[in-house]
C-alpha atoms as a PDB file:
ATOM      1  CA  MET A   1       0.000   0.000   0.000  1.00  0.00           C
ATOM      2  CA  LYS A   2       2.812   2.397   0.897  1.00  0.00           C
ATOM      3  CA  LYS A   3       4.451   1.571  -2.414  1.00  0.00           C
ATOM      4  CA  TYR A   4       1.330   2.609  -4.370  1.00  0.00           C
ATOM      5  CA  LEU A   5       0.969   5.787  -2.335  1.00  0.00           C
ATOM      6  CA  LEU A   6       4.591   6.702  -3.039  1.00  0.00           C
ATOM      7  CA  ILE A   7       4.129   6.047  -6.774  1.00  0.00           C
ATOM      8  CA  LEU A   8       0.950   8.144  -6.781  1.00  0.00           C
ATOM      9  CA  MET A   9       2.740  11.025  -5.011  1.00  0.00           C
ATOM     10  CA  ILE A  10       5.659  10.956  -7.450  1.00  0.00           C
ATOM     11  CA  LEU A  11       3.330  10.765 -10.441  1.00  0.00           C
ATOM     12  CA  SER A  12       1.220  13.709  -9.242  1.00  0.00           C
ATOM     13  CA  LEU A  13       4.379  15.739  -8.620  1.00  0.00           C
ATOM     14  CA  ILE A  14       5.629  15.058 -12.151  1.00  0.00           C
ATOM     15  CA  LEU A  15       2.260  15.851 -13.734  1.00  0.00           C
ATOM     16  CA  SER A  16       1.804  19.052 -11.730  1.00  0.00           C
ATOM     17  CA  LYS A  17       5.211  20.243 -12.934  1.00  0.00           C
ATOM     18  CA  CYS A  18       3.893  20.212 -16.507  1.00  0.00           C
ATOM     19  CA  HIS A  19       1.321  22.917 -15.784  1.00  0.00           C
ATOM     20  CA  VAL A  20       3.347  25.429 -13.819  1.00  0.00           C
ATOM     21  CA  ASP A  21       1.655  28.791 -13.361  1.00  0.00           C
ATOM     22  CA  ASN A  22       4.705  30.758 -14.472  1.00  0.00           C
ATOM     23  CA  ARG A  23       4.388  34.403 -13.537  1.00  0.00           C
ATOM     24  CA  LYS A  24       8.036  35.366 -13.806  1.00  0.00           C
ATOM     25  CA  LEU A  25       7.415  38.849 -15.178  1.00  0.00           C
ATOM     26  CA  GLN A  26       6.153  41.578 -12.868  1.00  0.00           C
ATOM     27  CA  LEU A  27       4.618  44.849 -14.060  1.00  0.00           C
ATOM     28  CA  ILE A  28       4.749  47.586 -11.451  1.00  0.00           C
ATOM     29  CA  ASN A  29       2.630  50.702 -11.945  1.00  0.00           C
ATOM     30  CA  LYS A  30       4.177  53.545  -9.954  1.00  0.00           C
ATOM     31  CA  SER A  31       2.060  56.166 -11.678  1.00  0.00           C
ATOM     32  CA  LYS A  32      -1.151  57.771 -10.445  1.00  0.00           C
ATOM     33  CA  ASN A  33      -3.035  56.455 -13.502  1.00  0.00           C
ATOM     34  CA  ASP A  34      -4.690  53.158 -14.281  1.00  0.00           C
ATOM     35  CA  TYR A  35      -3.437  51.563 -17.490  1.00  0.00           C
ATOM     36  CA  PHE A  36      -4.394  48.686 -19.705  1.00  0.00           C
ATOM     37  CA  TYR A  37      -1.620  46.544 -21.126  1.00  0.00           C
ATOM     38  CA  ARG A  38      -0.945  43.925 -23.729  1.00  0.00           C
ATOM     39  CA  LEU A  39       2.114  41.672 -24.016  1.00  0.00           C
ATOM     40  CA  LEU A  40       3.009  40.420 -27.487  1.00  0.00           C
ATOM     41  CA  THR A  41       5.888  38.703 -29.205  1.00  0.00           C
ATOM     42  CA  ASP A  42       4.726  39.691 -32.680  1.00  0.00           C
ATOM     43  CA  THR A  43       4.007  43.370 -33.337  1.00  0.00           C
ATOM     44  CA  ASN A  44       1.684  42.478 -36.221  1.00  0.00           C
ATOM     45  CA  ASP A  45      -0.813  41.002 -33.759  1.00  0.00           C
ATOM     46  CA  LEU A  46      -1.715  44.149 -31.808  1.00  0.00           C
ATOM     47  CA  LYS A  47      -5.407  43.947 -32.723  1.00  0.00           C
ATOM     48  CA  LYS A  48      -5.601  40.138 -32.745  1.00  0.00           C
ATOM     49  CA  GLY A  49      -7.809  38.924 -29.938  1.00  0.00           C
ATOM     50  CA  LEU A  50      -8.538  42.428 -28.625  1.00  0.00           C
ATOM     51  CA  HIS A  51      -7.694  41.229 -25.127  1.00  0.00           C
ATOM     52  CA  ILE A  52      -5.985  43.683 -22.810  1.00  0.00           C
ATOM     53  CA  GLU A  53      -5.531  43.585 -19.045  1.00  0.00           C
ATOM     54  CA  LYS A  54      -5.795  46.314 -16.421  1.00  0.00           C
ATOM     55  CA  ILE A  55      -3.064  47.432 -14.067  1.00  0.00           C
ATOM     56  CA  ALA A  56      -4.304  49.876 -11.449  1.00  0.00           C
ATOM     57  CA  ALA A  57      -2.388  52.913 -10.233  1.00  0.00           C
ATOM     58  CA  HIS A  58       0.192  52.058  -7.551  1.00  0.00           C
ATOM     59  CA  ASP A  59      -0.341  48.339  -8.081  1.00  0.00           C
ATOM     60  CA  SER A  60       1.545  45.442  -9.621  1.00  0.00           C
ATOM     61  CA  VAL A  61       0.598  42.357 -11.602  1.00  0.00           C
ATOM     62  CA  ARG A  62       2.296  39.162 -12.662  1.00  0.00           C
ATOM     63  CA  PRO A  63       0.876  38.353 -16.090  1.00  0.00           C
ATOM     64  CA  LEU A  64       0.407  34.777 -17.193  1.00  0.00           C
ATOM     65  CA  PHE A  65       2.021  34.799 -20.626  1.00  0.00           C
ATOM     66  CA  ALA A  66       4.092  31.650 -20.735  1.00  0.00           C
ATOM     67  CA  ARG A  67       3.105  28.315 -19.219  1.00  0.00           C
ATOM     68  CA  GLY A  68       5.730  25.860 -18.113  1.00  0.00           C
ATOM     69  CA  GLY A  69       8.726  25.600 -15.862  1.00  0.00           C
ATOM     70  CA  ASP A  70      12.089  27.312 -15.926  1.00  0.00           C
ATOM     71  CA  GLY A  71      12.838  28.945 -19.252  1.00  0.00           C
ATOM     72  CA  ALA A  72       9.200  29.072 -20.427  1.00  0.00           C
ATOM     73  CA  TRP A  73       9.191  32.848 -20.896  1.00  0.00           C
ATOM     74  CA  GLU A  74      12.481  32.756 -22.772  1.00  0.00           C
ATOM     75  CA  TYR A  75      11.254  29.922 -24.977  1.00  0.00           C
ATOM     76  CA  GLN A  76       7.990  31.753 -25.747  1.00  0.00           C
ATOM     77  CA  ILE A  77       9.801  34.986 -26.654  1.00  0.00           C
ATOM     78  CA  ASN A  78      12.558  33.348 -28.702  1.00  0.00           C
ATOM     79  CA  THR A  79      10.186  30.991 -30.524  1.00  0.00           C
ATOM     80  CA  TYR A  80       7.261  33.273 -31.345  1.00  0.00           C
ATOM     81  CA  SER A  81       8.946  36.647 -31.816  1.00  0.00           C
ATOM     82  CA  PRO A  82      10.641  37.283 -35.174  1.00  0.00           C
ATOM     83  CA  ASP A  83      13.277  39.391 -33.404  1.00  0.00           C
ATOM     84  CA  SER A  84      13.260  37.651 -29.975  1.00  0.00           C
ATOM     85  CA  THR A  85      11.591  40.645 -28.365  1.00  0.00           C
ATOM     86  CA  LEU A  86       8.780  40.980 -25.839  1.00  0.00           C
ATOM     87  CA  ASN A  87       6.583  44.006 -26.570  1.00  0.00           C
ATOM     88  CA  LEU A  88       4.634  45.765 -23.832  1.00  0.00           C
ATOM     89  CA  TYR A  89       1.829  48.068 -24.988  1.00  0.00           C
ATOM     90  CA  LEU A  90       0.175  50.499 -22.565  1.00  0.00           C
ATOM     91  CA  PHE A  91      -3.213  52.050 -23.241  1.00  0.00           C
ATOM     92  CA  ASP A  92      -5.187  54.702 -21.372  1.00  0.00           C
ATOM     93  CA  GLN A  93      -8.517  53.034 -22.090  1.00  0.00           C
ATOM     94  CA  SER A  94      -9.925  49.562 -21.804  1.00  0.00           C
ATOM     95  CA  THR A  95     -11.164  49.179 -25.378  1.00  0.00           C
ATOM     96  CA  LEU A  96      -8.691  48.490 -28.155  1.00  0.00           C
ATOM     97  CA  THR A  97     -10.007  50.113 -31.333  1.00  0.00           C
ATOM     98  CA  ASP A  98      -8.777  50.545 -34.884  1.00  0.00           C
ATOM     99  CA  GLU A  99      -8.471  54.282 -34.247  1.00  0.00           C
ATOM    100  CA  LEU A 100      -6.236  53.709 -31.224  1.00  0.00           C
ATOM    101  CA  VAL A 101      -3.915  51.523 -33.253  1.00  0.00           C
ATOM    102  CA  LYS A 102      -4.020  53.662 -36.402  1.00  0.00           C
ATOM    103  CA  HIS A 103      -3.170  56.870 -34.518  1.00  0.00           C
ATOM    104  CA  ARG A 104      -0.698  55.074 -32.226  1.00  0.00           C
ATOM    105  CA  LYS A 105      -2.477  56.169 -29.041  1.00  0.00           C
ATOM    106  CA  PHE A 106      -0.433  53.875 -26.871  1.00  0.00           C
ATOM    107  CA  ARG A 107       3.032  53.543 -25.422  1.00  0.00           C
ATOM    108  CA  LYS A 108       5.213  50.688 -26.624  1.00  0.00           C
ATOM    109  CA  PHE A 109       8.215  49.214 -24.814  1.00  0.00           C
ATOM    110  CA  THR A 110      10.441  46.482 -26.240  1.00  0.00           C
ATOM    111  CA  TYR A 111      12.592  44.096 -24.230  1.00  0.00           C
ATOM    112  CA  LYS A 112      15.111  41.453 -25.228  1.00  0.00           C
ATOM    113  CA  ILE A 113      15.778  38.542 -22.862  1.00  0.00           C
ATOM    114  CA  GLY A 114      19.003  40.197 -21.722  1.00  0.00           C
ATOM    115  CA  ASP A 115      17.115  43.411 -20.905  1.00  0.00           C
ATOM    116  CA  LEU A 116      14.556  41.480 -18.868  1.00  0.00           C
ATOM    117  CA  ASN A 117      17.299  39.632 -16.984  1.00  0.00           C
ATOM    118  CA  LYS A 118      19.039  42.928 -16.134  1.00  0.00           C
ATOM    119  CA  LEU A 119      15.730  44.265 -14.831  1.00  0.00           C
ATOM    120  CA  ASN A 120      15.076  41.067 -12.827  1.00  0.00           C
ATOM    121  CA  TRP A 121      11.936  40.653 -14.940  1.00  0.00           C
ATOM    122  CA  LYS A 122      10.394  43.720 -13.212  1.00  0.00           C
ATOM    123  CA  LEU A 123       9.036  46.383 -15.550  1.00  0.00           C
ATOM    124  CA  ILE A 124       8.185  49.666 -13.864  1.00  0.00           C
ATOM    125  CA  ILE A 125       5.613  52.033 -15.329  1.00  0.00           C
ATOM    126  CA  TYR A 126       5.897  55.716 -14.391  1.00  0.00           C
END
């Protein structure tokens, strides 16, 4: 019986490792304004999905962008970005429209893996 329990524990540990909730990146909003953000590896996909997240003034979030264990963020960025860059877009409003994109009414920040490592994966918004 103990043998089966030990096997079950090891198996559940291995399987749970496959679905790690990897929130390595931290966005820190030190401004007095709420923002809405979008993380992308491909700049051509800004309107795709229309899904943006809120980060409140004087708050921080750890976005779920890459699933997996160690190296998942790096793999996601290097595999799906043509130039191995993570792009952070900040918007003042919660609705992403064609007009917003066309008139570039957003702030864009680009980060290579080396940049993110130097920043300890903490991006501060002022």
